[in-house]
């Protein structure tokens, strides 16, 4: 099978999947998993919060994210479905690759000229 340079899901949905799996993980780990910068994850979280898909709660020095699983999807093609229904399938699927619970995955993380980079 050829390698694709596109995805069926947007980065917004990838961030939701990561937060569904572990709502209190640092955004650095979300960025690493999705393959985008930490700044991009922050912008996506702001979008998702504004749209009513999640809320954040300050817990000590970190944020915990609460997904609003009953929030309906906005697109006409997905109307009648909630993010909870989609995430139920995706978040429970086994995942090969980076173990985000292993803090050693961040050893090669650097802060570049334009923000956090891998």
N, C-alpha and C. Protein backbone atom coordinates (compact mmCIF):
# COMPACT_ATOMS: atom_id res chain seq x y z
N UNK A 1 0.85 -1.18 0.00
CA UNK A 1 0.00 0.00 0.00
C UNK A 1 0.90 1.25 0.00
N UNK A 2 0.65 2.21 -0.86
CA UNK A 2 1.48 3.42 -0.91
C UNK A 2 1.30 4.29 0.33
N UNK A 3 2.34 5.03 0.67
CA UNK A 3 2.27 5.97 1.78
C UNK A 3 1.50 7.21 1.34
N UNK A 4 0.54 7.64 2.16
CA UNK A 4 -0.27 8.80 1.82
C UNK A 4 0.31 10.05 2.47
N UNK A 5 0.13 11.18 1.84
CA UNK A 5 0.56 12.44 2.43
C UNK A 5 -0.64 13.26 2.89
N UNK A 6 -1.76 12.57 3.17
CA UNK A 6 -2.96 13.21 3.66
C UNK A 6 -3.62 12.30 4.68
N UNK A 7 -4.63 12.81 5.37
CA UNK A 7 -5.30 12.07 6.42
C UNK A 7 -6.81 12.21 6.27
N UNK A 8 -7.55 11.22 6.75
CA UNK A 8 -9.01 11.32 6.73
C UNK A 8 -9.52 12.30 7.77
N UNK A 9 -8.75 12.51 8.84
CA UNK A 9 -9.18 13.37 9.93
C UNK A 9 -8.32 14.61 10.01
N UNK A 10 -8.89 15.68 10.52
CA UNK A 10 -8.16 16.94 10.67
C UNK A 10 -7.32 16.91 11.94
N UNK A 11 -6.42 17.88 12.05
CA UNK A 11 -5.65 18.02 13.28
C UNK A 11 -6.55 18.30 14.48
N UNK A 12 -7.66 18.99 14.25
CA UNK A 12 -8.61 19.23 15.34
C UNK A 12 -9.12 17.90 15.91
N UNK A 13 -9.45 16.99 15.03
CA UNK A 13 -9.94 15.69 15.51
C UNK A 13 -8.82 14.88 16.14
N UNK A 14 -7.62 14.97 15.59
CA UNK A 14 -6.48 14.27 16.19
C UNK A 14 -6.24 14.76 17.62
N UNK A 15 -6.35 16.06 17.85
CA UNK A 15 -6.18 16.61 19.19
C UNK A 15 -7.28 16.07 20.11
N UNK A 16 -8.52 16.02 19.63
CA UNK A 16 -9.61 15.45 20.42
C UNK A 16 -9.34 14.00 20.79
N UNK A 17 -8.82 13.21 19.86
CA UNK A 17 -8.51 11.81 20.14
C UNK A 17 -7.48 11.72 21.26
N UNK A 18 -6.44 12.53 21.17
CA UNK A 18 -5.39 12.52 22.20
C UNK A 18 -5.95 12.90 23.56
N UNK A 19 -6.78 13.92 23.60
CA UNK A 19 -7.35 14.36 24.88
C UNK A 19 -8.39 13.38 25.42
N UNK A 20 -9.06 12.64 24.53
CA UNK A 20 -9.99 11.62 24.98
C UNK A 20 -9.23 10.48 25.66
N UNK A 21 -8.06 10.17 25.13
CA UNK A 21 -7.25 9.10 25.71
C UNK A 21 -6.63 9.50 27.05
N UNK A 22 -6.19 10.76 27.14
CA UNK A 22 -5.54 11.21 28.37
C UNK A 22 -5.76 12.72 28.51
N UNK A 23 -6.83 13.12 29.20
CA UNK A 23 -7.23 14.53 29.26
C UNK A 23 -6.29 15.44 30.03
N UNK A 24 -5.38 14.91 30.81
CA UNK A 24 -4.49 15.77 31.59
C UNK A 24 -3.05 15.76 31.08
N UNK A 25 -2.83 15.25 29.88
CA UNK A 25 -1.47 15.21 29.36
C UNK A 25 -0.99 16.60 28.93
N UNK A 26 0.31 16.84 29.04
CA UNK A 26 0.84 18.13 28.58
C UNK A 26 0.63 18.32 27.07
N UNK A 27 0.44 19.55 26.68
CA UNK A 27 0.22 19.83 25.26
C UNK A 27 1.42 19.45 24.41
N UNK A 28 2.60 19.42 25.00
CA UNK A 28 3.79 18.96 24.27
C UNK A 28 3.59 17.56 23.75
N UNK A 29 3.00 16.70 24.59
CA UNK A 29 2.77 15.32 24.18
C UNK A 29 1.69 15.23 23.11
N UNK A 30 0.68 16.06 23.22
CA UNK A 30 -0.36 16.09 22.18
C UNK A 30 0.28 16.52 20.86
N UNK A 31 1.09 17.56 20.90
CA UNK A 31 1.75 18.06 19.69
C UNK A 31 2.64 16.99 19.07
N UNK A 32 3.38 16.28 19.89
CA UNK A 32 4.25 15.23 19.40
C UNK A 32 3.45 14.12 18.73
N UNK A 33 2.36 13.73 19.35
CA UNK A 33 1.52 12.67 18.81
C UNK A 33 0.89 13.07 17.48
N UNK A 34 0.38 14.31 17.40
CA UNK A 34 -0.30 14.77 16.19
C UNK A 34 0.70 15.15 15.10
N UNK A 35 1.90 15.56 15.52
CA UNK A 35 2.92 15.95 14.53
C UNK A 35 2.84 17.42 14.16
N UNK A 36 2.38 18.24 15.11
CA UNK A 36 2.30 19.68 14.90
C UNK A 36 2.97 20.37 16.08
N UNK A 37 3.08 21.68 16.02
CA UNK A 37 3.73 22.42 17.11
C UNK A 37 2.79 22.55 18.29
N UNK A 38 3.37 22.83 19.44
CA UNK A 38 2.57 23.06 20.64
C UNK A 38 1.69 24.29 20.47
N UNK A 39 2.19 25.29 19.79
CA UNK A 39 1.42 26.51 19.53
C UNK A 39 0.18 26.18 18.68
N UNK A 40 0.33 25.29 17.69
CA UNK A 40 -0.81 24.89 16.87
C UNK A 40 -1.84 24.15 17.72
N UNK A 41 -1.39 23.31 18.65
CA UNK A 41 -2.31 22.61 19.55
C UNK A 41 -3.07 23.63 20.40
N UNK A 42 -2.38 24.65 20.88
CA UNK A 42 -3.05 25.68 21.69
C UNK A 42 -4.15 26.38 20.89
N UNK A 43 -3.86 26.68 19.62
CA UNK A 43 -4.87 27.33 18.76
C UNK A 43 -6.06 26.40 18.53
N UNK A 44 -5.77 25.11 18.31
CA UNK A 44 -6.84 24.14 18.08
C UNK A 44 -7.71 24.01 19.33
N UNK A 45 -7.09 23.95 20.50
CA UNK A 45 -7.85 23.85 21.74
C UNK A 45 -8.73 25.08 21.93
N UNK A 46 -8.22 26.25 21.60
CA UNK A 46 -9.04 27.47 21.68
C UNK A 46 -10.24 27.37 20.74
N UNK A 47 -10.03 26.87 19.52
CA UNK A 47 -11.13 26.67 18.57
C UNK A 47 -12.17 25.71 19.13
N UNK A 48 -11.69 24.57 19.67
CA UNK A 48 -12.60 23.55 20.18
C UNK A 48 -13.37 24.04 21.40
N UNK A 49 -12.70 24.84 22.22
CA UNK A 49 -13.37 25.40 23.39
C UNK A 49 -14.44 26.41 22.97
N UNK A 50 -14.10 27.25 22.02
CA UNK A 50 -15.06 28.25 21.52
C UNK A 50 -16.28 27.59 20.88
N UNK A 51 -16.06 26.46 20.21
CA UNK A 51 -17.16 25.75 19.55
C UNK A 51 -17.97 24.89 20.52
N UNK A 52 -17.52 24.78 21.76
CA UNK A 52 -18.27 24.03 22.76
C UNK A 52 -17.95 22.55 22.83
N UNK A 53 -16.85 22.12 22.22
CA UNK A 53 -16.48 20.71 22.23
C UNK A 53 -15.68 20.31 23.46
N UNK A 54 -15.09 21.28 24.14
CA UNK A 54 -14.33 20.97 25.35
C UNK A 54 -14.27 22.19 26.25
N UNK A 55 -13.91 21.94 27.48
CA UNK A 55 -13.62 23.01 28.43
C UNK A 55 -12.36 22.61 29.17
N UNK A 56 -11.70 23.60 29.73
CA UNK A 56 -10.47 23.30 30.48
C UNK A 56 -10.62 23.74 31.92
N UNK A 57 -9.91 23.01 32.75
CA UNK A 57 -9.92 23.29 34.18
C UNK A 57 -8.47 23.32 34.65
N UNK A 58 -8.14 24.33 35.38
CA UNK A 58 -6.79 24.45 35.93
C UNK A 58 -6.66 23.50 37.12
N UNK A 59 -5.67 22.62 37.07
CA UNK A 59 -5.39 21.69 38.15
C UNK A 59 -3.92 21.86 38.51
N UNK A 60 -3.68 22.60 39.58
CA UNK A 60 -2.29 22.92 39.93
C UNK A 60 -1.68 23.80 38.86
N UNK A 61 -0.58 23.34 38.31
CA UNK A 61 0.12 24.11 37.27
C UNK A 61 -0.26 23.66 35.86
N UNK A 62 -1.17 22.69 35.74
CA UNK A 62 -1.54 22.16 34.44
C UNK A 62 -3.03 22.33 34.20
N UNK A 63 -3.42 22.11 32.98
CA UNK A 63 -4.83 22.10 32.61
C UNK A 63 -5.30 20.67 32.46
N UNK A 64 -6.53 20.42 32.81
CA UNK A 64 -7.21 19.17 32.49
C UNK A 64 -8.34 19.55 31.53
N UNK A 65 -8.55 18.73 30.53
CA UNK A 65 -9.54 19.04 29.50
C UNK A 65 -10.73 18.11 29.64
N UNK A 66 -11.92 18.68 29.59
CA UNK A 66 -13.16 17.92 29.69
C UNK A 66 -13.86 18.00 28.34
N UNK A 67 -14.00 16.86 27.70
CA UNK A 67 -14.67 16.82 26.41
C UNK A 67 -16.16 16.79 26.62
N UNK A 68 -16.88 17.51 25.79
CA UNK A 68 -18.33 17.54 25.83
C UNK A 68 -18.83 16.53 24.79
N UNK A 69 -18.91 15.29 25.24
CA UNK A 69 -19.16 14.18 24.33
C UNK A 69 -20.53 14.22 23.66
N UNK A 70 -21.45 14.97 24.23
CA UNK A 70 -22.78 15.06 23.62
C UNK A 70 -22.89 16.20 22.61
N UNK A 71 -21.78 16.92 22.40
CA UNK A 71 -21.80 18.03 21.43
C UNK A 71 -21.97 17.46 20.01
N UNK A 72 -22.93 18.00 19.27
CA UNK A 72 -23.17 17.48 17.91
C UNK A 72 -22.10 17.95 16.93
N UNK A 73 -21.83 17.10 15.96
CA UNK A 73 -20.93 17.50 14.87
C UNK A 73 -21.65 18.54 14.02
N UNK A 74 -20.90 19.46 13.46
CA UNK A 74 -21.49 20.64 12.81
C UNK A 74 -21.77 20.46 11.31
N UNK A 75 -21.03 19.60 10.66
CA UNK A 75 -21.16 19.45 9.21
C UNK A 75 -22.46 18.72 8.86
N UNK A 76 -23.08 19.10 7.75
CA UNK A 76 -24.33 18.47 7.32
C UNK A 76 -24.19 16.96 7.15
N UNK A 77 -23.06 16.51 6.62
CA UNK A 77 -22.86 15.09 6.38
C UNK A 77 -22.82 14.29 7.68
N UNK A 78 -22.41 14.93 8.77
CA UNK A 78 -22.31 14.23 10.05
C UNK A 78 -23.44 14.59 11.00
N UNK A 79 -24.41 15.35 10.54
CA UNK A 79 -25.47 15.79 11.45
C UNK A 79 -26.15 14.59 12.09
N UNK A 80 -26.56 14.78 13.32
CA UNK A 80 -27.17 13.69 14.06
C UNK A 80 -26.18 12.84 14.82
N UNK A 81 -24.90 13.10 14.67
CA UNK A 81 -23.85 12.38 15.37
C UNK A 81 -23.18 13.32 16.37
N UNK A 82 -22.63 12.74 17.41
CA UNK A 82 -21.92 13.53 18.41
C UNK A 82 -20.44 13.18 18.37
N UNK A 83 -19.62 14.04 18.95
CA UNK A 83 -18.19 13.71 19.00
C UNK A 83 -17.97 12.48 19.86
N UNK A 84 -18.81 12.28 20.85
CA UNK A 84 -18.68 11.09 21.70
C UNK A 84 -18.83 9.81 20.91
N UNK A 85 -19.76 9.79 19.96
CA UNK A 85 -19.97 8.59 19.14
C UNK A 85 -18.74 8.29 18.28
N UNK A 86 -18.15 9.32 17.72
CA UNK A 86 -16.97 9.13 16.88
C UNK A 86 -15.76 8.76 17.73
N UNK A 87 -15.59 9.47 18.84
CA UNK A 87 -14.45 9.20 19.71
C UNK A 87 -14.52 7.82 20.36
N UNK A 88 -15.72 7.33 20.59
CA UNK A 88 -15.87 6.00 21.18
C UNK A 88 -15.17 4.94 20.33
N UNK A 89 -15.30 5.08 19.05
CA UNK A 89 -14.65 4.15 18.13
C UNK A 89 -13.14 4.41 18.07
N UNK A 90 -12.77 5.67 17.89
CA UNK A 90 -11.37 6.02 17.66
C UNK A 90 -10.50 5.91 18.91
N UNK A 91 -10.97 6.39 20.03
CA UNK A 91 -10.13 6.44 21.24
C UNK A 91 -9.88 5.05 21.79
N UNK A 92 -10.75 4.10 21.52
CA UNK A 92 -10.56 2.76 22.06
C UNK A 92 -9.73 1.87 21.14
N UNK A 93 -9.47 2.35 19.93
CA UNK A 93 -8.70 1.55 18.98
C UNK A 93 -7.25 1.41 19.44
N UNK A 94 -6.66 0.21 19.30
CA UNK A 94 -5.25 0.07 19.65
C UNK A 94 -4.39 0.95 18.75
N UNK A 95 -3.29 1.42 19.29
CA UNK A 95 -2.44 2.36 18.56
C UNK A 95 -1.00 1.90 18.59
N UNK A 96 -0.41 1.73 17.42
CA UNK A 96 1.01 1.43 17.33
C UNK A 96 1.78 2.73 17.30
N UNK A 97 3.03 2.69 17.69
CA UNK A 97 3.86 3.89 17.57
C UNK A 97 4.29 4.42 18.91
N UNK A 98 4.26 5.73 19.06
CA UNK A 98 4.79 6.42 20.23
C UNK A 98 3.94 6.13 21.46
N UNK A 99 4.61 5.76 22.55
CA UNK A 99 3.94 5.58 23.83
C UNK A 99 4.00 6.91 24.56
N UNK A 100 2.89 7.63 24.59
CA UNK A 100 2.89 8.96 25.16
C UNK A 100 2.98 8.97 26.68
N UNK A 101 2.82 7.81 27.30
CA UNK A 101 3.00 7.74 28.75
C UNK A 101 4.47 7.62 29.11
N UNK A 102 5.31 7.37 28.13
CA UNK A 102 6.75 7.25 28.35
C UNK A 102 7.38 8.62 28.13
N UNK A 103 7.83 9.26 29.21
CA UNK A 103 8.38 10.62 29.11
C UNK A 103 9.67 10.67 28.31
N UNK A 104 10.29 9.54 28.02
CA UNK A 104 11.53 9.58 27.23
C UNK A 104 11.26 9.97 25.79
N UNK A 105 9.99 9.94 25.34
CA UNK A 105 9.70 10.35 23.96
C UNK A 105 10.00 11.83 23.76
N UNK A 106 10.10 12.58 24.84
CA UNK A 106 10.36 14.02 24.72
C UNK A 106 11.84 14.36 24.76
N UNK A 107 12.73 13.36 24.84
CA UNK A 107 14.16 13.63 24.93
C UNK A 107 14.69 14.41 23.74
N UNK A 108 14.13 14.19 22.56
CA UNK A 108 14.61 14.86 21.35
C UNK A 108 13.81 16.12 21.02
N UNK A 109 12.97 16.56 21.93
CA UNK A 109 12.13 17.74 21.73
C UNK A 109 13.00 18.98 21.90
N UNK A 110 12.91 19.89 20.98
CA UNK A 110 13.68 21.13 21.07
C UNK A 110 12.77 22.30 20.84
N UNK A 111 13.20 23.45 21.30
CA UNK A 111 12.47 24.67 21.02
C UNK A 111 13.21 25.36 19.89
N UNK A 112 12.55 25.44 18.74
CA UNK A 112 13.17 26.02 17.57
C UNK A 112 12.81 27.49 17.42
N UNK A 113 13.22 28.04 16.32
CA UNK A 113 13.00 29.45 16.02
C UNK A 113 11.52 29.82 16.04
N UNK A 114 10.66 28.90 15.60
CA UNK A 114 9.24 29.20 15.49
C UNK A 114 8.42 28.49 16.58
N UNK A 115 9.04 28.11 17.67
CA UNK A 115 8.32 27.45 18.75
C UNK A 115 8.78 26.03 18.93
N UNK A 116 7.96 25.23 19.55
CA UNK A 116 8.32 23.84 19.85
C UNK A 116 8.37 23.04 18.56
N UNK A 117 9.43 22.28 18.42
CA UNK A 117 9.61 21.45 17.23
C UNK A 117 10.21 20.12 17.64
N UNK A 118 9.96 19.12 16.82
CA UNK A 118 10.55 17.81 17.05
C UNK A 118 11.74 17.66 16.14
